[in-house]
Protein backbone atom coordinates (compact mmCIF):
# COMPACT_ATOMS: atom_id res chain seq x y z
CA MET A 1 182.35 166.73 252.13
CA SER A 2 181.45 166.36 255.78
CA HIS A 3 183.36 168.22 258.50
CA ASP A 4 182.82 169.34 262.07
CA LEU A 5 183.87 172.99 261.86
CA VAL A 6 182.27 175.66 264.03
CA CYS A 7 182.58 179.44 263.91
CA TRP A 8 185.59 180.72 265.85
CA LYS A 9 183.55 183.65 267.22
CA CYS A 10 180.11 182.25 268.16
CA GLY A 11 180.42 178.46 267.90
CA ALA A 12 177.75 178.08 265.18
CA ASP A 13 177.84 174.89 263.09
CA LEU A 14 179.53 175.39 259.70
CA SER A 15 178.83 171.97 258.21
CA ALA A 16 176.73 173.53 255.44
CA LEU A 17 179.85 175.18 254.00
CA SER A 18 182.07 173.26 251.62
CA LEU A 19 185.83 173.01 251.98
CA PRO A 20 188.17 174.65 251.27
CA LEU A 21 186.78 177.78 252.89
CA SER A 22 186.80 180.82 250.64
CA ARG A 23 188.33 184.10 251.76
CA ARG A 24 184.82 185.56 251.54
CA ASP A 25 183.03 182.91 253.62
CA GLU A 26 181.20 184.28 256.64
CA CYS A 27 179.34 182.75 259.56
CA ARG A 28 175.61 182.76 258.82
CA LYS A 29 174.81 183.35 262.49
CA CYS A 30 177.17 186.18 263.54
CA GLY A 31 178.64 187.38 260.21
CA ALA A 32 182.27 186.77 261.27
CA ASP A 33 184.88 186.18 258.58
CA LEU A 34 185.97 182.53 258.53
CA HIS A 35 189.25 182.56 256.56
CA VAL A 36 191.00 184.12 259.57
CA CYS A 37 194.04 183.30 261.70
CA ARG A 38 191.87 182.59 264.75
CA MET A 39 190.28 179.70 262.85
CA CYS A 40 193.53 178.25 261.49
CA SER A 41 195.24 175.10 262.74
CA ASP A 42 198.54 177.04 262.92
CA TYR A 43 197.13 179.77 265.20
CA ASP A 44 198.80 179.69 268.62
CA GLN A 45 198.73 182.56 271.11
CA HIS A 46 201.92 181.29 272.76
CA VAL A 47 204.32 181.62 269.81
CA ALA A 48 205.80 184.57 267.95
CA LYS A 49 203.34 186.28 265.60
CA LYS A 50 200.73 183.83 266.99
CA CYS A 51 201.44 181.48 264.09
CA ARG A 52 203.30 178.15 264.07
CA GLU A 53 203.91 178.34 260.30
CA PRO A 54 207.47 179.75 260.10
CA ILE A 55 207.33 181.11 256.55
CA ALA A 56 203.81 182.57 256.52
CA GLU A 57 203.55 186.32 256.18
CA GLU A 58 202.50 188.03 259.40
CA VAL A 59 198.85 189.04 259.61
CA CYS A 60 198.17 191.92 262.00
CA ASP A 61 194.43 191.44 262.59
CA LYS A 62 193.87 187.78 263.42
CA THR A 63 190.06 188.16 263.21
CA ARG A 64 189.74 189.56 259.67
CA ALA A 65 189.79 187.64 256.40
CA ASN A 66 193.24 187.24 254.85
CA PHE A 67 195.00 185.67 251.88
CA CYS A 68 197.30 183.27 253.77
CA ASP A 69 198.15 180.27 251.59
CA TYR A 70 198.84 178.12 254.67
CA PHE A 71 195.32 178.47 256.10
CA ALA A 72 193.83 175.17 257.29
CA PRO A 73 190.62 175.42 259.34
CA ARG A 74 190.64 173.76 262.75
CA PRO A 75 187.54 172.17 264.28
CA GLY A 76 188.17 173.41 267.85
CA ALA A 77 188.55 177.09 267.01
CA TYR A 78 185.65 178.22 269.22
CA VAL A 79 186.45 178.65 272.89
CA ALA A 80 183.51 179.60 275.09
CA LYS A 81 184.20 182.47 277.46
CA ASP A 82 184.59 181.54 281.11
CA THR A 83 181.73 183.32 282.87
CA SER A 84 181.97 181.48 286.18
CA SER A 85 183.56 184.43 288.02
CA VAL A 86 180.88 186.80 286.70
CA GLU A 87 178.11 184.42 287.78
CA ALA A 88 179.69 184.01 291.22
CA ALA A 89 179.89 187.77 291.69
CA ARG A 90 176.28 188.20 290.55
CA SER A 91 175.11 185.51 292.97
CA GLU A 92 176.98 187.15 295.83
CA LEU A 93 175.42 190.55 295.01
CA GLU A 94 171.95 189.02 294.92
CA ARG A 95 172.63 187.32 298.25
CA LEU A 96 173.67 190.66 299.80
CA PHE A 97 171.14 192.99 298.20
CA GLY A 98 168.37 190.72 296.98
CA PRO A 99 167.39 189.90 293.39
CA LYS A 100 167.29 192.65 290.77
CA SER A 101 163.75 193.97 290.47
């Protein structure tokens, strides 16, 4: 079965794994658990309990493997960190003080 899932933590390709994901599946690159809220299609930071599924039991740690029966992996779970402000600050420091030796 072909799919376009990537790790929620590092963005590594997970196409080698078969669906459905097991509770014990881990990312081969970073070792992160994959059957986690952060990788679920119902995960939403802007709703109560960060889950759109109204009858799912609440999971406290959204980054650890769980037994949720409503888990459905979402392809866009990885969100790259915005480092533009860090890079801008670093460039400004190098402009003022010169490059790091």
